[in-house]
C-alpha cells in the first residue's frame, strides 16, 4: 500500500511540474536557439527553415515565392542566400534571433523586416 501511495504522489508531482515548463516552439525536441521551423511575416507570408534549406510561400495558395539556403554565423545570427522566383533575383539577408519567437532581418540593400515563429 505504501508503494502505491508513493507512486501516486510522484505522478502528481511530475504532472504539476510539467505544467510549469515553458513552451517556446513547435514541439518536442525544439531548440529555442534554432531558427528551424515555420515563421510568418506581418503580411502572412510563410518562411520555412529546415536543415540549411529556406523556402517562402504564400499562405492562401501555398505558391513558392523564394528558395535558398542559410548558414549560422554564430548561435544567434543567420545568413540567408535567397533566390526570388517572383523577381528572378538573388539576395542575401542577415537575421538575428532576438527571442525564441522573433527573428529580425536586414537585407543587403538595407531593408528590414521581422518574422514570428509559427507555433504548431
Protein backbone atom coordinates (compact mmCIF):
# COMPACT_ATOMS: atom_id res chain seq x y z
CA UNK A 1 0.00 0.00 0.00
CA UNK A 2 2.83 2.36 0.83
CA UNK A 3 4.37 1.88 -2.62
CA UNK A 4 1.03 2.69 -4.23
CA UNK A 5 0.76 5.98 -2.30
CA UNK A 6 4.35 6.88 -3.19
CA UNK A 7 3.68 6.18 -6.90
CA UNK A 8 0.53 8.34 -6.90
CA UNK A 9 2.40 11.16 -5.14
CA UNK A 10 5.31 11.06 -7.59
CA UNK A 11 2.94 11.01 -10.58
CA UNK A 12 1.04 14.01 -9.21
CA UNK A 13 4.26 15.98 -8.64
CA UNK A 14 5.57 15.12 -12.12
CA UNK A 15 2.31 16.24 -13.74
CA UNK A 16 2.38 19.50 -11.80
CA UNK A 17 5.98 20.24 -12.75
CA UNK A 18 5.39 19.52 -16.43
CA UNK A 19 2.78 22.28 -16.46
CA UNK A 20 5.50 24.76 -15.40
CA UNK A 21 7.80 24.11 -18.37
CA UNK A 22 7.65 26.96 -20.94
CA UNK A 23 6.50 26.06 -24.43
CA UNK A 24 8.51 28.11 -26.93
CA UNK A 25 8.47 26.01 -30.01
CA UNK A 26 6.64 23.74 -32.33
CA UNK A 27 7.01 20.56 -30.34
CA UNK A 28 9.22 18.07 -28.53
CA UNK A 29 12.92 18.38 -29.19
CA UNK A 30 12.60 22.06 -30.04
CA UNK A 31 15.81 24.05 -29.68
CA UNK A 32 14.89 27.60 -28.69
CA UNK A 33 18.22 28.84 -30.10
CA UNK A 34 17.50 27.49 -33.56
CA UNK A 35 15.58 29.04 -36.44
CA UNK A 36 14.47 25.61 -37.65
CA UNK A 37 10.75 25.52 -38.29
CA UNK A 38 7.96 27.73 -39.63
CA UNK A 39 7.93 31.53 -39.46
CA UNK A 40 5.48 34.16 -40.69
CA UNK A 41 5.81 37.87 -41.54
CA UNK A 42 3.18 40.55 -40.76
CA UNK A 43 1.71 40.09 -44.27
CA UNK A 44 1.13 36.38 -43.69
CA UNK A 45 3.95 35.13 -45.91
CA UNK A 46 5.31 31.85 -44.54
CA UNK A 47 9.00 31.03 -44.36
CA UNK A 48 10.38 27.58 -43.61
CA UNK A 49 13.84 26.77 -42.31
CA UNK A 50 14.87 23.10 -42.32
CA UNK A 51 18.36 21.56 -42.45
CA UNK A 52 20.00 24.52 -44.14
CA UNK A 53 17.23 24.99 -46.72
CA UNK A 54 14.92 28.00 -46.89
CA UNK A 55 11.54 28.47 -48.61
CA UNK A 56 8.95 31.23 -48.64
CA UNK A 57 5.33 30.57 -49.66
CA UNK A 58 2.02 32.42 -49.76
CA UNK A 59 -0.50 31.38 -47.14
CA UNK A 60 -3.54 31.43 -49.39
CA UNK A 61 -2.35 29.36 -52.39
CA UNK A 62 0.90 27.91 -50.98
CA UNK A 63 2.72 29.33 -54.02
CA UNK A 64 6.50 29.11 -53.77
CA UNK A 65 7.94 32.66 -53.80
CA UNK A 66 11.60 32.12 -52.92
CA UNK A 67 14.12 29.41 -52.11
CA UNK A 68 17.58 29.44 -50.68
CA UNK A 69 19.98 28.22 -48.07
CA UNK A 70 21.04 29.51 -44.69
CA UNK A 71 24.10 29.20 -42.51
CA UNK A 72 24.73 30.15 -38.90
CA UNK A 73 27.30 32.93 -38.45
CA UNK A 74 27.02 32.44 -34.69
CA UNK A 75 24.34 30.88 -32.45
CA UNK A 76 22.05 33.96 -32.79
CA UNK A 77 22.90 35.22 -36.30
CA UNK A 78 21.94 33.52 -39.56
CA UNK A 79 22.90 34.44 -43.12
CA UNK A 80 20.33 33.54 -45.79
CA UNK A 81 21.04 33.43 -49.52
CA UNK A 82 17.69 33.89 -51.25
CA UNK A 83 16.62 33.26 -54.83
CA UNK A 84 13.37 35.16 -55.55
CA UNK A 85 11.24 33.25 -58.03
CA UNK A 86 8.98 36.30 -58.43
CA UNK A 87 11.67 38.88 -59.26
CA UNK A 88 14.24 36.41 -60.62
CA UNK A 89 16.94 37.91 -58.35
CA UNK A 90 19.42 36.73 -55.74
CA UNK A 91 19.95 38.47 -52.42
CA UNK A 92 21.49 37.99 -49.01
CA UNK A 93 19.73 38.60 -45.71
CA UNK A 94 21.15 38.57 -42.18
CA UNK A 95 18.74 37.58 -39.43
CA UNK A 96 19.18 37.80 -35.69
CA UNK A 97 17.27 35.53 -33.35
CA UNK A 98 16.28 38.12 -30.75
CA UNK A 99 13.94 35.78 -28.87
CA UNK A 100 12.73 32.19 -29.31
CA UNK A 101 9.76 33.52 -31.31
CA UNK A 102 11.20 36.59 -33.09
CA UNK A 103 13.67 36.88 -35.96
CA UNK A 104 14.80 40.38 -37.00
CA UNK A 105 16.24 40.54 -40.52
CA UNK A 106 18.15 43.06 -42.64
CA UNK A 107 18.65 42.61 -46.38
CA UNK A 108 21.90 43.51 -48.16
CA UNK A 109 20.09 46.57 -49.56
CA UNK A 110 19.25 47.75 -46.01
CA UNK A 111 15.58 46.75 -45.89
CA UNK A 112 14.39 45.45 -42.54
CA UNK A 113 11.63 43.02 -41.58
CA UNK A 114 10.70 40.67 -38.76
CA UNK A 115 9.42 37.13 -38.67
CA UNK A 116 7.43 35.50 -35.88
CA UNK A 117 7.70 31.79 -35.13
CA UNK A 118 4.58 29.96 -36.15
CA UNK A 119 3.70 27.67 -33.29
CA UNK A 120 2.21 24.36 -34.27
